[in-house]
Amino acid sequence: MLRLEWKELARDDLNQIIEHIADDNPDAAATLADDIEAKAARLPEHPELYRVGRKKGTREMVVHPNYIVIYQVQKTVVEILRVKHAA
């Protein structure tokens, strides 16, 4: 099975998103963080399940109507590259 690896930029993206949401609604921020982490954790089981990304060699997982996890699949690892707002 593949292993999951979060790149530093992706972790930074997620932290910034959660901090921004937490300013207004800490419960919603925690729920979103848990949802993104849980869905990302399942990527090694089904890495090709989500759509082909806009950049060559990537895939995009919509984890919430407003947020997309951008990742790439390597031989032994699924790398989470970024977490972006869908707009």
Protein backbone atom coordinates (compact mmCIF):
# COMPACT_ATOMS: atom_id res chain seq x y z
CA MET A 1 0.00 0.00 0.00
CA LEU A 2 1.05 3.56 -0.63
CA ARG A 3 1.89 5.87 2.23
CA LEU A 4 0.55 9.40 2.66
CA GLU A 5 2.84 12.42 2.89
CA TRP A 6 1.80 16.04 3.43
CA LYS A 7 4.12 18.61 1.86
CA GLU A 8 4.93 21.65 3.99
CA LEU A 9 2.97 24.00 1.70
CA ALA A 10 -0.13 21.82 2.03
CA ARG A 11 0.14 21.82 5.84
CA ASP A 12 0.56 25.59 5.78
CA ASP A 13 -2.48 25.93 3.50
CA LEU A 14 -4.60 23.81 5.81
CA ASN A 15 -3.46 25.65 8.93
CA GLN A 16 -4.20 29.04 7.39
CA ILE A 17 -7.67 27.94 6.25
CA ILE A 18 -8.50 26.53 9.68
CA GLU A 19 -7.20 29.60 11.51
CA HIS A 20 -9.25 31.89 9.27
CA ILE A 21 -12.45 29.91 9.83
CA ALA A 22 -11.76 29.55 13.57
CA ASP A 23 -11.80 33.33 13.95
CA ASP A 24 -15.56 33.22 13.35
CA ASN A 25 -16.50 29.64 14.12
CA PRO A 26 -14.07 27.35 15.99
CA ASP A 27 -16.43 24.36 15.80
CA ALA A 28 -16.74 24.63 12.02
CA ALA A 29 -12.97 24.95 11.72
CA ALA A 30 -12.41 21.79 13.76
CA THR A 31 -15.01 19.89 11.75
CA LEU A 32 -13.47 20.96 8.45
CA ALA A 33 -9.96 20.03 9.61
CA ASP A 34 -11.17 16.60 10.71
CA ASP A 35 -13.02 16.08 7.41
CA ILE A 36 -10.02 17.03 5.27
CA GLU A 37 -7.64 14.87 7.33
CA ALA A 38 -10.00 11.86 7.21
CA LYS A 39 -10.57 12.06 3.46
CA ALA A 40 -6.86 12.55 2.77
CA ALA A 41 -6.03 9.54 4.96
CA ARG A 42 -8.05 7.33 2.60
CA LEU A 43 -6.12 8.42 -0.51
CA PRO A 44 -3.51 5.63 -0.32
CA GLU A 45 -6.32 3.07 -0.64
CA HIS A 46 -7.88 4.67 -3.75
CA PRO A 47 -5.47 7.26 -5.17
CA GLU A 48 -7.00 7.30 -8.67
CA LEU A 49 -10.56 7.83 -7.43
CA TYR A 50 -10.54 11.60 -7.85
CA ARG A 51 -10.40 13.79 -10.93
CA VAL A 52 -7.30 14.54 -12.95
CA GLY A 53 -5.80 17.84 -11.84
CA ARG A 54 -5.42 21.02 -13.83
CA LYS A 55 -1.63 20.67 -13.62
CA LYS A 56 -0.09 17.67 -15.33
CA GLY A 57 0.63 14.78 -12.98
CA THR A 58 -1.76 15.91 -10.25
CA ARG A 59 -5.21 14.92 -9.08
CA GLU A 60 -7.81 16.96 -7.21
CA MET A 61 -10.05 15.79 -4.41
CA VAL A 62 -13.00 18.03 -3.55
CA VAL A 63 -13.22 17.62 0.22
CA HIS A 64 -15.85 20.28 0.77
CA PRO A 65 -17.75 22.46 -1.71
CA ASN A 66 -15.21 25.21 -1.06
CA TYR A 67 -11.93 23.28 -0.68
CA ILE A 68 -9.79 21.10 -2.92
CA VAL A 69 -6.85 18.90 -1.97
CA ILE A 70 -4.28 18.74 -4.77
CA TYR A 71 -2.09 15.66 -4.73
CA GLN A 72 0.15 13.47 -6.84
CA VAL A 73 0.69 9.75 -6.85
CA GLN A 74 4.25 8.46 -6.89
CA LYS A 75 5.46 4.84 -6.82
CA THR A 76 5.28 4.45 -3.04
CA VAL A 77 3.62 7.62 -1.81
CA VAL A 78 0.62 9.88 -2.26
CA GLU A 79 1.88 13.43 -1.78
CA ILE A 80 -0.56 16.12 -0.67
CA LEU A 81 0.76 19.19 -2.45
CA ARG A 82 -1.74 21.95 -1.60
CA VAL A 83 -5.11 22.63 -0.03
CA LYS A 84 -6.90 25.41 -1.91
CA HIS A 85 -10.14 27.32 -1.81
CA ALA A 86 -12.23 26.26 -4.81
CA ALA A 87 -12.90 29.82 -5.99
